N, C-alpha and C. Protein backbone atom coordinates (compact mmCIF):
# COMPACT_ATOMS: atom_id res chain seq x y z
N MET A 1 -14.99 51.64 -27.40
CA MET A 1 -13.83 50.78 -27.33
C MET A 1 -13.77 50.02 -26.00
N SER A 2 -14.08 50.68 -24.89
CA SER A 2 -14.01 50.01 -23.60
C SER A 2 -15.07 48.92 -23.48
N GLY A 3 -16.25 49.10 -24.10
CA GLY A 3 -17.27 48.06 -24.10
C GLY A 3 -16.79 46.80 -24.81
N TYR A 4 -16.00 47.00 -25.86
CA TYR A 4 -15.46 45.86 -26.60
C TYR A 4 -14.48 45.08 -25.73
N ILE A 5 -13.64 45.79 -24.99
CA ILE A 5 -12.64 45.12 -24.16
C ILE A 5 -13.33 44.31 -23.05
N VAL A 6 -14.38 44.84 -22.47
CA VAL A 6 -15.07 44.14 -21.39
C VAL A 6 -15.72 42.87 -21.90
N HIS A 7 -16.20 42.87 -23.12
CA HIS A 7 -16.93 41.72 -23.66
C HIS A 7 -16.04 40.73 -24.39
N MET A 8 -14.74 40.95 -24.38
CA MET A 8 -13.85 39.98 -25.03
C MET A 8 -13.94 38.65 -24.31
N LYS A 9 -13.75 37.57 -25.05
CA LYS A 9 -13.81 36.24 -24.46
C LYS A 9 -12.79 36.06 -23.35
N PHE A 10 -11.65 36.69 -23.48
CA PHE A 10 -10.60 36.52 -22.49
C PHE A 10 -11.05 37.00 -21.12
N TRP A 11 -11.85 38.02 -21.08
CA TRP A 11 -12.27 38.58 -19.80
C TRP A 11 -13.56 37.96 -19.30
N ASN A 12 -14.17 37.11 -20.08
CA ASN A 12 -15.40 36.46 -19.65
C ASN A 12 -15.04 35.42 -18.58
N ILE A 13 -15.53 35.63 -17.38
CA ILE A 13 -15.15 34.76 -16.26
C ILE A 13 -15.58 33.31 -16.48
N LYS A 14 -16.69 33.10 -17.18
CA LYS A 14 -17.13 31.73 -17.45
C LYS A 14 -16.12 30.99 -18.31
N ASN A 15 -15.61 31.64 -19.33
CA ASN A 15 -14.63 30.99 -20.19
C ASN A 15 -13.32 30.74 -19.46
N VAL A 16 -12.93 31.67 -18.61
CA VAL A 16 -11.70 31.48 -17.83
C VAL A 16 -11.87 30.28 -16.89
N MET A 17 -13.01 30.16 -16.24
CA MET A 17 -13.26 29.04 -15.33
C MET A 17 -13.32 27.72 -16.09
N LYS A 18 -13.93 27.72 -17.28
CA LYS A 18 -13.97 26.49 -18.08
C LYS A 18 -12.55 26.05 -18.45
N LYS A 19 -11.73 27.03 -18.85
CA LYS A 19 -10.35 26.71 -19.22
C LYS A 19 -9.59 26.17 -18.00
N TYR A 20 -9.78 26.80 -16.84
CA TYR A 20 -9.12 26.34 -15.62
C TYR A 20 -9.56 24.93 -15.25
N ARG A 21 -10.88 24.66 -15.34
CA ARG A 21 -11.40 23.34 -15.01
C ARG A 21 -10.84 22.30 -15.98
N TYR A 22 -10.77 22.64 -17.27
CA TYR A 22 -10.22 21.71 -18.27
C TYR A 22 -8.77 21.40 -17.96
N GLU A 23 -7.97 22.43 -17.62
CA GLU A 23 -6.56 22.20 -17.31
C GLU A 23 -6.41 21.37 -16.04
N LYS A 24 -7.26 21.61 -15.05
CA LYS A 24 -7.21 20.85 -13.80
C LYS A 24 -7.56 19.38 -14.06
N GLU A 25 -8.58 19.13 -14.88
CA GLU A 25 -8.96 17.75 -15.21
C GLU A 25 -7.87 17.07 -16.02
N THR A 26 -7.21 17.81 -16.91
CA THR A 26 -6.12 17.23 -17.71
C THR A 26 -4.96 16.83 -16.82
N ILE A 27 -4.60 17.68 -15.87
CA ILE A 27 -3.51 17.35 -14.95
C ILE A 27 -3.88 16.15 -14.09
N LEU A 28 -5.13 16.09 -13.64
CA LEU A 28 -5.58 14.94 -12.85
C LEU A 28 -5.49 13.65 -13.67
N ALA A 29 -5.94 13.70 -14.92
CA ALA A 29 -5.87 12.51 -15.78
C ALA A 29 -4.43 12.08 -16.01
N LEU A 30 -3.54 13.03 -16.25
CA LEU A 30 -2.13 12.69 -16.45
C LEU A 30 -1.50 12.11 -15.19
N SER A 31 -1.89 12.62 -14.03
CA SER A 31 -1.32 12.08 -12.79
C SER A 31 -1.82 10.66 -12.54
N ILE A 32 -3.09 10.39 -12.84
CA ILE A 32 -3.61 9.02 -12.67
C ILE A 32 -2.91 8.08 -13.64
N PHE A 33 -2.74 8.51 -14.90
CA PHE A 33 -2.05 7.68 -15.89
C PHE A 33 -0.62 7.38 -15.45
N THR A 34 0.07 8.40 -14.94
CA THR A 34 1.45 8.22 -14.50
C THR A 34 1.53 7.26 -13.31
N GLU A 35 0.58 7.40 -12.39
CA GLU A 35 0.56 6.50 -11.23
C GLU A 35 0.35 5.05 -11.66
N VAL A 36 -0.57 4.83 -12.59
CA VAL A 36 -0.84 3.46 -13.07
C VAL A 36 0.39 2.91 -13.80
N ALA A 37 1.02 3.74 -14.62
CA ALA A 37 2.19 3.28 -15.37
C ALA A 37 3.33 2.87 -14.42
N TRP A 38 3.60 3.70 -13.41
CA TRP A 38 4.66 3.36 -12.46
C TRP A 38 4.29 2.15 -11.61
N THR A 39 3.01 2.05 -11.27
CA THR A 39 2.57 0.92 -10.45
C THR A 39 2.77 -0.40 -11.18
N ILE A 40 2.62 -0.40 -12.48
CA ILE A 40 2.85 -1.62 -13.26
C ILE A 40 4.34 -1.80 -13.57
N ALA A 41 5.02 -0.70 -13.90
CA ALA A 41 6.41 -0.80 -14.36
C ALA A 41 7.37 -1.25 -13.26
N ILE A 42 7.18 -0.77 -12.04
CA ILE A 42 8.14 -1.10 -10.98
C ILE A 42 8.18 -2.60 -10.68
N PRO A 43 7.04 -3.28 -10.47
CA PRO A 43 7.14 -4.74 -10.24
C PRO A 43 7.68 -5.50 -11.45
N VAL A 44 7.34 -5.04 -12.66
CA VAL A 44 7.84 -5.73 -13.85
C VAL A 44 9.36 -5.63 -13.91
N VAL A 45 9.90 -4.46 -13.69
CA VAL A 45 11.36 -4.29 -13.74
C VAL A 45 12.04 -5.09 -12.63
N ILE A 46 11.51 -5.01 -11.43
CA ILE A 46 12.13 -5.70 -10.29
C ILE A 46 12.14 -7.22 -10.51
N PHE A 47 10.98 -7.78 -10.90
CA PHE A 47 10.92 -9.24 -11.06
C PHE A 47 11.66 -9.71 -12.31
N THR A 48 11.71 -8.88 -13.35
CA THR A 48 12.49 -9.25 -14.53
C THR A 48 13.98 -9.27 -14.21
N LEU A 49 14.43 -8.26 -13.47
CA LEU A 49 15.84 -8.26 -13.08
C LEU A 49 16.17 -9.42 -12.14
N LEU A 50 15.25 -9.75 -11.24
CA LEU A 50 15.45 -10.90 -10.37
C LEU A 50 15.53 -12.19 -11.20
N GLY A 51 14.65 -12.32 -12.18
CA GLY A 51 14.69 -13.49 -13.06
C GLY A 51 15.97 -13.54 -13.87
N ARG A 52 16.44 -12.38 -14.32
CA ARG A 52 17.70 -12.36 -15.07
C ARG A 52 18.87 -12.77 -14.17
N TYR A 53 18.86 -12.32 -12.93
CA TYR A 53 19.91 -12.70 -11.99
C TYR A 53 19.92 -14.22 -11.78
N ILE A 54 18.72 -14.80 -11.60
CA ILE A 54 18.64 -16.26 -11.41
C ILE A 54 19.11 -16.98 -12.66
N ASP A 55 18.72 -16.48 -13.85
CA ASP A 55 19.17 -17.10 -15.10
C ASP A 55 20.69 -17.06 -15.23
N LYS A 56 21.29 -15.93 -14.91
CA LYS A 56 22.75 -15.82 -15.02
C LYS A 56 23.46 -16.66 -13.96
N THR A 57 22.88 -16.72 -12.76
CA THR A 57 23.52 -17.48 -11.68
C THR A 57 23.51 -18.98 -11.97
N TYR A 58 22.37 -19.51 -12.43
CA TYR A 58 22.23 -20.95 -12.66
C TYR A 58 22.34 -21.34 -14.12
N GLU A 59 22.75 -20.39 -14.97
CA GLU A 59 23.03 -20.61 -16.39
C GLU A 59 21.84 -21.16 -17.17
N TYR A 60 20.64 -20.63 -16.89
CA TYR A 60 19.46 -20.93 -17.72
C TYR A 60 19.42 -19.92 -18.85
N PRO A 61 18.80 -20.29 -19.98
CA PRO A 61 18.80 -19.35 -21.11
C PRO A 61 18.03 -18.04 -20.81
N PHE A 62 16.77 -18.11 -20.56
CA PHE A 62 15.98 -16.91 -20.25
C PHE A 62 14.65 -17.27 -19.60
N VAL A 63 14.57 -18.45 -19.04
CA VAL A 63 13.32 -18.95 -18.47
C VAL A 63 12.84 -18.07 -17.32
N PHE A 64 13.73 -17.80 -16.36
CA PHE A 64 13.31 -17.03 -15.19
C PHE A 64 13.15 -15.54 -15.50
N THR A 65 13.82 -15.06 -16.54
CA THR A 65 13.61 -13.67 -16.95
C THR A 65 12.18 -13.50 -17.44
N LEU A 66 11.71 -14.41 -18.29
CA LEU A 66 10.33 -14.34 -18.77
C LEU A 66 9.33 -14.59 -17.64
N LEU A 67 9.65 -15.54 -16.81
CA LEU A 67 8.76 -15.83 -15.69
C LEU A 67 8.68 -14.64 -14.72
N GLY A 68 9.82 -14.03 -14.45
CA GLY A 68 9.84 -12.85 -13.60
C GLY A 68 9.05 -11.70 -14.20
N GLY A 69 9.17 -11.50 -15.50
CA GLY A 69 8.39 -10.46 -16.17
C GLY A 69 6.90 -10.72 -16.08
N ALA A 70 6.51 -11.97 -16.27
CA ALA A 70 5.09 -12.33 -16.19
C ALA A 70 4.56 -12.15 -14.77
N VAL A 71 5.34 -12.55 -13.79
CA VAL A 71 4.93 -12.36 -12.39
C VAL A 71 4.83 -10.87 -12.07
N GLY A 72 5.78 -10.08 -12.56
CA GLY A 72 5.75 -8.64 -12.35
C GLY A 72 4.52 -7.99 -12.97
N ILE A 73 4.15 -8.41 -14.17
CA ILE A 73 2.94 -7.90 -14.81
C ILE A 73 1.71 -8.26 -13.99
N GLY A 74 1.66 -9.52 -13.54
CA GLY A 74 0.52 -9.95 -12.73
C GLY A 74 0.40 -9.16 -11.44
N ILE A 75 1.52 -8.96 -10.75
CA ILE A 75 1.49 -8.20 -9.50
C ILE A 75 1.12 -6.74 -9.77
N GLY A 76 1.66 -6.17 -10.81
CA GLY A 76 1.34 -4.78 -11.16
C GLY A 76 -0.14 -4.59 -11.45
N ILE A 77 -0.71 -5.50 -12.22
CA ILE A 77 -2.14 -5.43 -12.53
C ILE A 77 -2.97 -5.63 -11.28
N TRP A 78 -2.56 -6.53 -10.42
CA TRP A 78 -3.29 -6.76 -9.17
C TRP A 78 -3.27 -5.50 -8.28
N ILE A 79 -2.12 -4.84 -8.20
CA ILE A 79 -2.02 -3.61 -7.41
C ILE A 79 -2.91 -2.51 -8.00
N VAL A 80 -2.92 -2.37 -9.31
CA VAL A 80 -3.77 -1.36 -9.96
C VAL A 80 -5.24 -1.69 -9.71
N TYR A 81 -5.60 -2.96 -9.80
CA TYR A 81 -6.98 -3.37 -9.54
C TYR A 81 -7.39 -3.01 -8.12
N ARG A 82 -6.53 -3.32 -7.16
CA ARG A 82 -6.84 -3.00 -5.76
C ARG A 82 -6.98 -1.49 -5.55
N ARG A 83 -6.10 -0.73 -6.16
CA ARG A 83 -6.15 0.74 -6.05
C ARG A 83 -7.44 1.27 -6.67
N ALA A 84 -7.81 0.76 -7.83
CA ALA A 84 -9.04 1.21 -8.49
C ALA A 84 -10.26 0.85 -7.66
N TRP A 85 -10.24 -0.32 -7.05
CA TRP A 85 -11.36 -0.75 -6.20
C TRP A 85 -11.49 0.15 -4.98
N ASP A 86 -10.36 0.53 -4.37
CA ASP A 86 -10.38 1.45 -3.23
C ASP A 86 -10.95 2.81 -3.63
N ILE A 87 -10.55 3.31 -4.78
CA ILE A 87 -11.08 4.59 -5.26
C ILE A 87 -12.57 4.48 -5.53
N TYR A 88 -12.99 3.38 -6.13
CA TYR A 88 -14.42 3.17 -6.40
C TYR A 88 -15.22 3.16 -5.10
N ASP A 89 -14.72 2.46 -4.09
CA ASP A 89 -15.41 2.43 -2.78
C ASP A 89 -15.50 3.82 -2.16
N ARG A 90 -14.41 4.57 -2.25
CA ARG A 90 -14.41 5.92 -1.68
C ARG A 90 -15.42 6.81 -2.40
N ILE A 91 -15.48 6.73 -3.71
CA ILE A 91 -16.44 7.53 -4.48
C ILE A 91 -17.86 7.10 -4.15
N ASP A 92 -18.08 5.80 -4.02
CA ASP A 92 -19.41 5.29 -3.68
C ASP A 92 -19.86 5.79 -2.31
N ARG A 93 -18.95 5.73 -1.34
CA ARG A 93 -19.28 6.23 0.01
C ARG A 93 -19.60 7.71 -0.01
N LEU A 94 -18.80 8.50 -0.74
CA LEU A 94 -19.04 9.93 -0.81
C LEU A 94 -20.36 10.26 -1.49
N SER A 95 -20.69 9.52 -2.55
CA SER A 95 -21.96 9.77 -3.23
C SER A 95 -23.14 9.40 -2.34
N LYS A 96 -23.01 8.32 -1.56
CA LYS A 96 -24.09 7.96 -0.63
C LYS A 96 -24.23 9.01 0.47
N GLU A 97 -23.10 9.54 0.96
CA GLU A 97 -23.16 10.59 1.96
C GLU A 97 -23.83 11.84 1.41
N ASN A 98 -23.52 12.18 0.16
CA ASN A 98 -24.14 13.36 -0.46
C ASN A 98 -25.64 13.16 -0.63
N ILE A 99 -26.05 11.95 -1.00
CA ILE A 99 -27.47 11.67 -1.15
C ILE A 99 -28.17 11.77 0.20
N ASN A 100 -27.55 11.22 1.25
CA ASN A 100 -28.14 11.30 2.60
C ASN A 100 -28.20 12.74 3.09
N ASN A 101 -27.18 13.53 2.79
CA ASN A 101 -27.18 14.93 3.22
C ASN A 101 -28.23 15.74 2.45
N ASP A 102 -28.47 15.39 1.18
CA ASP A 102 -29.49 16.08 0.41
C ASP A 102 -30.89 15.77 0.90
N ASN A 103 -31.10 14.56 1.44
CA ASN A 103 -32.41 14.17 1.91
C ASN A 103 -32.76 14.78 3.27
N LYS A 104 -31.78 15.27 3.99
CA LYS A 104 -32.03 15.83 5.33
C LYS A 104 -32.61 17.22 5.25
């Protein structure tokens, strides 16, 4: 009976580590997705509300609301692009450092 308990999948350290790694990667993916969503949403909301304020102040139908939303989307995408480029550069530098350290 004790041999069976030792060999159960639950006690197999490899399976526990795989599960931990999977959960860690899932949390990382969710955090990146959340960061991208907020990075796009905040400028869209701010510029849309600014456009709505201008429309209400100068009695336009909805021209500046749409324009503000479009500008917010553009700024949000630009910020995400810049962030992704910075991450890409950091990964590239780290991989080059690892290659140089392996060659030494």
